[in-house]
């Protein structure tokens, strides 16, 4: 998910990023393997004006959030091997949390040839 036109204050709120990384796995029935980690990424004076980057490792894979408050932008990955994820719910969740005006949602089906049995 790429979100545009978000609230600068909300995108710059470390506690909100942490809350999303705790709350969303619960809402999706996923099982965290760790507490979320969130770091301040400083401005790199090229393209990236800095923001918060965080992730949580879940049994089903991971969720990551990268905010760019000065640009009103957020990039989010919800990566999961869980079938039947409600991508509309996930988009709406982040739209409301960060007051996003527009969203690009890309769903990628991965592991289409994942073996049904152990190979070794």
N, C-alpha and C. Protein backbone atom coordinates (compact mmCIF):
# COMPACT_ATOMS: atom_id res chain seq x y z
N UNK A 1 0.86 -1.17 0.00
CA UNK A 1 0.00 0.00 0.00
C UNK A 1 0.90 1.23 0.00
N UNK A 2 0.61 2.15 -0.89
CA UNK A 2 1.24 3.46 -0.87
C UNK A 2 0.14 4.47 -0.61
N UNK A 3 0.32 5.29 0.42
CA UNK A 3 -0.69 6.26 0.81
C UNK A 3 -0.20 7.68 0.60
N UNK A 4 -1.08 8.52 0.07
CA UNK A 4 -0.75 9.90 -0.30
C UNK A 4 -1.64 10.90 0.44
N UNK A 5 -1.11 12.09 0.66
CA UNK A 5 -1.89 13.17 1.24
C UNK A 5 -2.22 12.97 2.70
N UNK A 6 -1.38 12.22 3.40
CA UNK A 6 -1.64 11.92 4.81
C UNK A 6 -1.31 13.08 5.73
N UNK A 7 -1.80 12.97 6.96
CA UNK A 7 -1.56 13.96 7.99
C UNK A 7 -0.09 13.95 8.41
N UNK A 8 0.57 15.10 8.31
CA UNK A 8 1.97 15.19 8.71
C UNK A 8 2.14 14.78 10.17
N UNK A 9 1.24 15.25 11.03
CA UNK A 9 1.34 14.93 12.46
C UNK A 9 1.20 13.43 12.71
N UNK A 10 0.24 12.80 12.05
CA UNK A 10 0.04 11.36 12.26
C UNK A 10 1.19 10.54 11.67
N UNK A 11 1.69 10.95 10.52
CA UNK A 11 2.82 10.23 9.90
C UNK A 11 4.10 10.42 10.70
N UNK A 12 4.16 11.46 11.51
CA UNK A 12 5.35 11.72 12.33
C UNK A 12 5.18 11.24 13.76
N UNK A 13 4.15 10.44 14.02
CA UNK A 13 3.83 9.96 15.36
C UNK A 13 4.34 8.52 15.55
N UNK A 14 5.48 8.40 16.21
CA UNK A 14 6.09 7.08 16.44
C UNK A 14 5.12 6.15 17.15
N UNK A 15 4.41 6.66 18.15
CA UNK A 15 3.48 5.82 18.91
C UNK A 15 2.34 5.30 18.04
N UNK A 16 1.90 6.08 17.08
CA UNK A 16 0.85 5.62 16.16
C UNK A 16 1.37 4.50 15.26
N UNK A 17 2.59 4.63 14.79
CA UNK A 17 3.19 3.56 13.98
C UNK A 17 3.26 2.28 14.80
N UNK A 18 3.72 2.38 16.04
CA UNK A 18 3.78 1.21 16.92
C UNK A 18 2.38 0.63 17.12
N UNK A 19 1.41 1.49 17.39
CA UNK A 19 0.04 1.02 17.60
C UNK A 19 -0.47 0.24 16.39
N UNK A 20 -0.21 0.73 15.20
CA UNK A 20 -0.64 0.03 13.98
C UNK A 20 0.01 -1.35 13.88
N UNK A 21 1.30 -1.42 14.23
CA UNK A 21 2.03 -2.69 14.14
C UNK A 21 1.60 -3.68 15.22
N UNK A 22 1.01 -3.21 16.29
CA UNK A 22 0.46 -4.09 17.33
C UNK A 22 -0.98 -4.47 16.99
N UNK A 23 -1.75 -3.48 16.59
CA UNK A 23 -3.20 -3.64 16.41
C UNK A 23 -3.58 -4.42 15.15
N UNK A 24 -2.93 -4.14 14.02
CA UNK A 24 -3.34 -4.78 12.77
C UNK A 24 -3.18 -6.29 12.80
N UNK A 25 -2.06 -6.84 13.29
CA UNK A 25 -1.98 -8.30 13.35
C UNK A 25 -3.12 -8.92 14.17
N UNK A 26 -3.51 -8.26 15.26
CA UNK A 26 -4.63 -8.76 16.07
C UNK A 26 -5.90 -8.76 15.25
N UNK A 27 -6.17 -7.68 14.54
CA UNK A 27 -7.39 -7.56 13.74
C UNK A 27 -7.44 -8.57 12.60
N UNK A 28 -6.26 -8.98 12.10
CA UNK A 28 -6.20 -9.93 10.99
C UNK A 28 -6.04 -11.38 11.45
N UNK A 29 -5.98 -11.59 12.76
CA UNK A 29 -5.81 -12.95 13.28
C UNK A 29 -4.42 -13.51 13.05
N UNK A 30 -3.43 -12.62 12.99
CA UNK A 30 -2.04 -13.03 12.81
C UNK A 30 -1.36 -13.12 14.17
N UNK A 31 -0.25 -13.85 14.20
CA UNK A 31 0.43 -14.11 15.47
C UNK A 31 1.83 -13.50 15.47
N UNK A 32 2.01 -12.40 16.21
CA UNK A 32 3.33 -11.76 16.29
C UNK A 32 4.36 -12.68 16.95
N UNK A 33 5.57 -12.65 16.42
CA UNK A 33 6.69 -13.39 17.01
C UNK A 33 7.58 -12.47 17.84
N UNK A 34 7.34 -11.18 17.74
CA UNK A 34 8.14 -10.21 18.48
C UNK A 34 7.31 -8.94 18.66
N UNK A 35 7.80 -8.06 19.48
CA UNK A 35 7.21 -6.73 19.58
C UNK A 35 7.68 -5.91 18.37
N UNK A 36 6.92 -4.92 17.97
CA UNK A 36 7.35 -4.08 16.85
C UNK A 36 8.65 -3.34 17.15
N UNK A 37 9.41 -3.09 16.12
CA UNK A 37 10.61 -2.25 16.18
C UNK A 37 10.35 -1.05 15.29
N UNK A 38 10.61 0.15 15.80
CA UNK A 38 10.40 1.37 15.02
C UNK A 38 11.62 2.27 15.19
N UNK A 39 12.11 2.79 14.08
CA UNK A 39 13.33 3.59 14.07
C UNK A 39 13.09 4.90 13.33
N UNK A 40 13.77 5.96 13.76
CA UNK A 40 13.73 7.22 13.04
C UNK A 40 14.77 7.17 11.93
N UNK A 41 14.31 7.30 10.70
CA UNK A 41 15.21 7.35 9.55
C UNK A 41 15.45 8.83 9.24
N UNK A 42 16.68 9.26 9.36
CA UNK A 42 17.03 10.67 9.14
C UNK A 42 16.97 11.03 7.66
N UNK A 43 16.85 12.31 7.39
CA UNK A 43 16.89 12.87 6.04
C UNK A 43 18.23 12.50 5.40
N UNK A 44 18.19 12.02 4.14
CA UNK A 44 19.45 11.67 3.48
C UNK A 44 19.90 12.73 2.48
N UNK A 45 19.22 13.88 2.46
CA UNK A 45 19.59 15.02 1.62
C UNK A 45 19.58 14.73 0.13
N UNK A 46 18.97 13.64 -0.28
CA UNK A 46 18.87 13.34 -1.71
C UNK A 46 17.39 13.31 -2.10
N UNK A 47 16.74 12.21 -1.80
CA UNK A 47 15.34 12.04 -2.15
C UNK A 47 14.47 11.85 -0.91
N UNK A 48 15.05 11.30 0.12
CA UNK A 48 14.32 10.87 1.30
C UNK A 48 14.37 11.93 2.40
N UNK A 49 13.22 12.56 2.73
CA UNK A 49 13.22 13.58 3.78
C UNK A 49 13.13 13.01 5.19
N UNK A 50 13.21 11.70 5.33
CA UNK A 50 13.18 11.06 6.64
C UNK A 50 11.78 10.78 7.14
N UNK A 51 11.73 9.96 8.18
CA UNK A 51 10.46 9.58 8.78
C UNK A 51 10.66 8.35 9.66
N UNK A 52 9.58 7.69 9.99
CA UNK A 52 9.62 6.50 10.84
C UNK A 52 9.56 5.25 9.98
N UNK A 53 10.41 4.28 10.32
CA UNK A 53 10.38 2.97 9.67
C UNK A 53 10.22 1.93 10.76
N UNK A 54 9.23 1.06 10.58
CA UNK A 54 8.98 0.05 11.59
C UNK A 54 8.49 -1.24 10.98
N UNK A 55 8.61 -2.30 11.78
CA UNK A 55 8.16 -3.62 11.31
C UNK A 55 7.79 -4.47 12.51
N UNK A 56 7.01 -5.49 12.23
CA UNK A 56 6.74 -6.54 13.20
C UNK A 56 6.83 -7.86 12.45
N UNK A 57 7.54 -8.80 13.04
CA UNK A 57 7.63 -10.15 12.47
C UNK A 57 6.45 -10.94 13.01
N UNK A 58 5.72 -11.55 12.11
CA UNK A 58 4.58 -12.37 12.51
C UNK A 58 4.81 -13.79 12.02
N UNK A 59 4.14 -14.75 12.65
CA UNK A 59 4.31 -16.14 12.25
C UNK A 59 4.00 -16.31 10.77
N UNK A 60 3.08 -15.50 10.27
CA UNK A 60 2.68 -15.58 8.86
C UNK A 60 3.58 -14.78 7.94
N UNK A 61 4.52 -14.00 8.45
CA UNK A 61 5.56 -13.28 7.71
C UNK A 61 5.91 -11.94 8.36
N UNK A 62 5.47 -10.78 7.81
CA UNK A 62 5.80 -9.50 8.45
C UNK A 62 4.90 -8.37 7.95
N UNK A 63 4.91 -7.29 8.71
CA UNK A 63 4.25 -6.05 8.31
C UNK A 63 5.28 -4.94 8.50
N UNK A 64 5.43 -4.08 7.50
CA UNK A 64 6.36 -2.95 7.63
C UNK A 64 5.67 -1.65 7.23
N UNK A 65 6.11 -0.58 7.86
CA UNK A 65 5.57 0.76 7.62
C UNK A 65 6.74 1.73 7.50
N UNK A 66 6.72 2.55 6.46
CA UNK A 66 7.73 3.59 6.26
C UNK A 66 7.00 4.91 6.02
N UNK A 67 7.14 5.86 6.95
CA UNK A 67 6.45 7.14 6.81
C UNK A 67 7.39 8.23 6.31
N UNK A 68 6.82 9.17 5.58
CA UNK A 68 7.54 10.34 5.07
C UNK A 68 6.66 11.56 5.36
N UNK A 69 6.65 12.02 6.62
CA UNK A 69 5.72 13.07 7.05
C UNK A 69 5.76 14.34 6.20
N UNK A 70 6.94 14.80 5.82
CA UNK A 70 7.04 16.04 5.04
C UNK A 70 6.44 15.91 3.65
N UNK A 71 6.29 14.68 3.19
CA UNK A 71 5.70 14.43 1.87
C UNK A 71 4.25 13.94 1.96
N UNK A 72 3.76 13.72 3.19
CA UNK A 72 2.40 13.20 3.36
C UNK A 72 2.24 11.80 2.81
N UNK A 73 3.32 11.02 2.83
CA UNK A 73 3.38 9.72 2.16
C UNK A 73 3.73 8.61 3.14
N UNK A 74 3.16 7.44 2.90
CA UNK A 74 3.50 6.25 3.67
C UNK A 74 3.54 5.05 2.72
N UNK A 75 4.50 4.17 2.94
CA UNK A 75 4.62 2.93 2.18
C UNK A 75 4.51 1.78 3.17
N UNK A 76 3.60 0.85 2.89
CA UNK A 76 3.28 -0.22 3.83
C UNK A 76 3.28 -1.56 3.10
N UNK A 77 3.89 -2.56 3.72
CA UNK A 77 3.81 -3.93 3.22
C UNK A 77 3.15 -4.80 4.28
N UNK A 78 2.14 -5.54 3.87
CA UNK A 78 1.53 -6.55 4.72
C UNK A 78 1.76 -7.86 3.97
N UNK A 79 2.81 -8.55 4.38
CA UNK A 79 3.25 -9.76 3.68
C UNK A 79 2.82 -10.95 4.51
N UNK A 80 2.05 -11.85 3.89
CA UNK A 80 1.50 -12.96 4.66
C UNK A 80 1.25 -14.17 3.78
N UNK A 81 1.46 -15.35 4.37
CA UNK A 81 1.09 -16.58 3.68
C UNK A 81 -0.34 -16.99 4.04
N UNK A 82 -1.01 -16.17 4.83
CA UNK A 82 -2.39 -16.45 5.22
C UNK A 82 -3.31 -16.23 4.02
N UNK A 83 -4.16 -17.18 3.75
CA UNK A 83 -5.10 -17.07 2.63
C UNK A 83 -6.29 -16.18 3.01
N UNK A 84 -6.86 -15.55 2.01
CA UNK A 84 -8.09 -14.79 2.20
C UNK A 84 -7.93 -13.47 2.93
N UNK A 85 -6.79 -12.81 2.78
CA UNK A 85 -6.61 -11.51 3.44
C UNK A 85 -7.57 -10.49 2.84
N UNK A 86 -8.19 -9.71 3.69
CA UNK A 86 -9.14 -8.67 3.27
C UNK A 86 -8.35 -7.39 2.97
N UNK A 87 -7.93 -7.26 1.73
CA UNK A 87 -7.09 -6.12 1.35
C UNK A 87 -7.86 -4.80 1.44
N UNK A 88 -9.17 -4.84 1.24
CA UNK A 88 -9.96 -3.62 1.38
C UNK A 88 -9.97 -3.15 2.84
N UNK A 89 -10.10 -4.10 3.77
CA UNK A 89 -10.06 -3.76 5.20
C UNK A 89 -8.72 -3.14 5.56
N UNK A 90 -7.64 -3.74 5.07
CA UNK A 90 -6.29 -3.26 5.38
C UNK A 90 -6.10 -1.84 4.84
N UNK A 91 -6.51 -1.60 3.61
CA UNK A 91 -6.39 -0.26 3.02
C UNK A 91 -7.18 0.76 3.82
N UNK A 92 -8.41 0.42 4.16
CA UNK A 92 -9.27 1.34 4.93
C UNK A 92 -8.67 1.61 6.31
N UNK A 93 -8.11 0.57 6.93
CA UNK A 93 -7.47 0.72 8.24
C UNK A 93 -6.40 1.81 8.20
N UNK A 94 -5.49 1.71 7.23
CA UNK A 94 -4.40 2.69 7.15
C UNK A 94 -4.89 4.05 6.66
N UNK A 95 -5.88 4.06 5.79
CA UNK A 95 -6.46 5.32 5.33
C UNK A 95 -6.99 6.12 6.52
N UNK A 96 -7.66 5.44 7.44
CA UNK A 96 -8.20 6.11 8.62
C UNK A 96 -7.11 6.48 9.62
N UNK A 97 -6.14 5.61 9.83
CA UNK A 97 -5.10 5.87 10.83
C UNK A 97 -4.24 7.08 10.47
N UNK A 98 -3.92 7.25 9.18
CA UNK A 98 -3.01 8.32 8.76
C UNK A 98 -3.72 9.43 7.99
N UNK A 99 -5.05 9.41 7.96
CA UNK A 99 -5.85 10.42 7.23
C UNK A 99 -5.39 10.54 5.77
N UNK A 100 -5.26 9.41 5.11
CA UNK A 100 -4.78 9.40 3.73
C UNK A 100 -5.87 9.87 2.77
N UNK A 101 -5.48 10.66 1.80
CA UNK A 101 -6.42 11.17 0.79
C UNK A 101 -6.53 10.22 -0.40
N UNK A 102 -5.47 9.46 -0.66
CA UNK A 102 -5.45 8.57 -1.82
C UNK A 102 -4.57 7.37 -1.49
N UNK A 103 -4.92 6.23 -2.08
CA UNK A 103 -4.17 5.00 -1.83
C UNK A 103 -3.92 4.27 -3.15
N UNK A 104 -2.71 3.75 -3.29
CA UNK A 104 -2.40 2.77 -4.34
C UNK A 104 -2.26 1.43 -3.64
N UNK A 105 -3.01 0.46 -4.09
CA UNK A 105 -2.97 -0.86 -3.47
C UNK A 105 -2.48 -1.85 -4.51
N UNK A 106 -1.43 -2.57 -4.18
CA UNK A 106 -0.90 -3.60 -5.06
C UNK A 106 -0.91 -4.93 -4.33
N UNK A 107 -1.64 -5.88 -4.88
CA UNK A 107 -1.69 -7.22 -4.30
C UNK A 107 -0.86 -8.13 -5.18
N UNK A 108 0.11 -8.78 -4.57
CA UNK A 108 0.98 -9.69 -5.31
C UNK A 108 0.79 -11.09 -4.76
N UNK A 109 0.37 -12.00 -5.61
CA UNK A 109 0.23 -13.39 -5.20
C UNK A 109 1.61 -14.03 -5.30
N UNK A 110 2.11 -14.52 -4.16
CA UNK A 110 3.47 -15.07 -4.10
C UNK A 110 3.43 -16.56 -3.85
N UNK A 111 4.50 -17.23 -4.18
CA UNK A 111 4.64 -18.65 -3.89
C UNK A 111 3.61 -19.52 -4.58
N UNK A 112 3.29 -19.19 -5.81
CA UNK A 112 2.24 -19.93 -6.51
C UNK A 112 2.62 -21.39 -6.77
N UNK A 113 3.90 -21.70 -6.69
CA UNK A 113 4.34 -23.09 -6.87
C UNK A 113 4.95 -23.64 -5.59
N UNK A 114 4.54 -23.09 -4.45
CA UNK A 114 5.04 -23.54 -3.15
C UNK A 114 4.77 -25.04 -3.01
N UNK A 115 5.79 -25.84 -2.69
CA UNK A 115 5.61 -27.30 -2.59
C UNK A 115 4.59 -27.68 -1.53
N UNK A 116 3.75 -28.66 -1.85
CA UNK A 116 2.74 -29.14 -0.91
C UNK A 116 3.33 -30.09 0.13
N UNK A 117 4.51 -30.65 -0.18
CA UNK A 117 5.16 -31.59 0.74
C UNK A 117 6.62 -31.19 0.92
N UNK A 118 7.21 -31.65 2.01
CA UNK A 118 8.64 -31.42 2.23
C UNK A 118 9.44 -32.10 1.14
N UNK A 119 10.48 -31.45 0.68
CA UNK A 119 11.32 -32.00 -0.37
C UNK A 119 12.50 -32.78 0.19
N UNK A 120 12.83 -32.55 1.45
CA UNK A 120 14.00 -33.20 2.05
C UNK A 120 13.65 -33.75 3.41
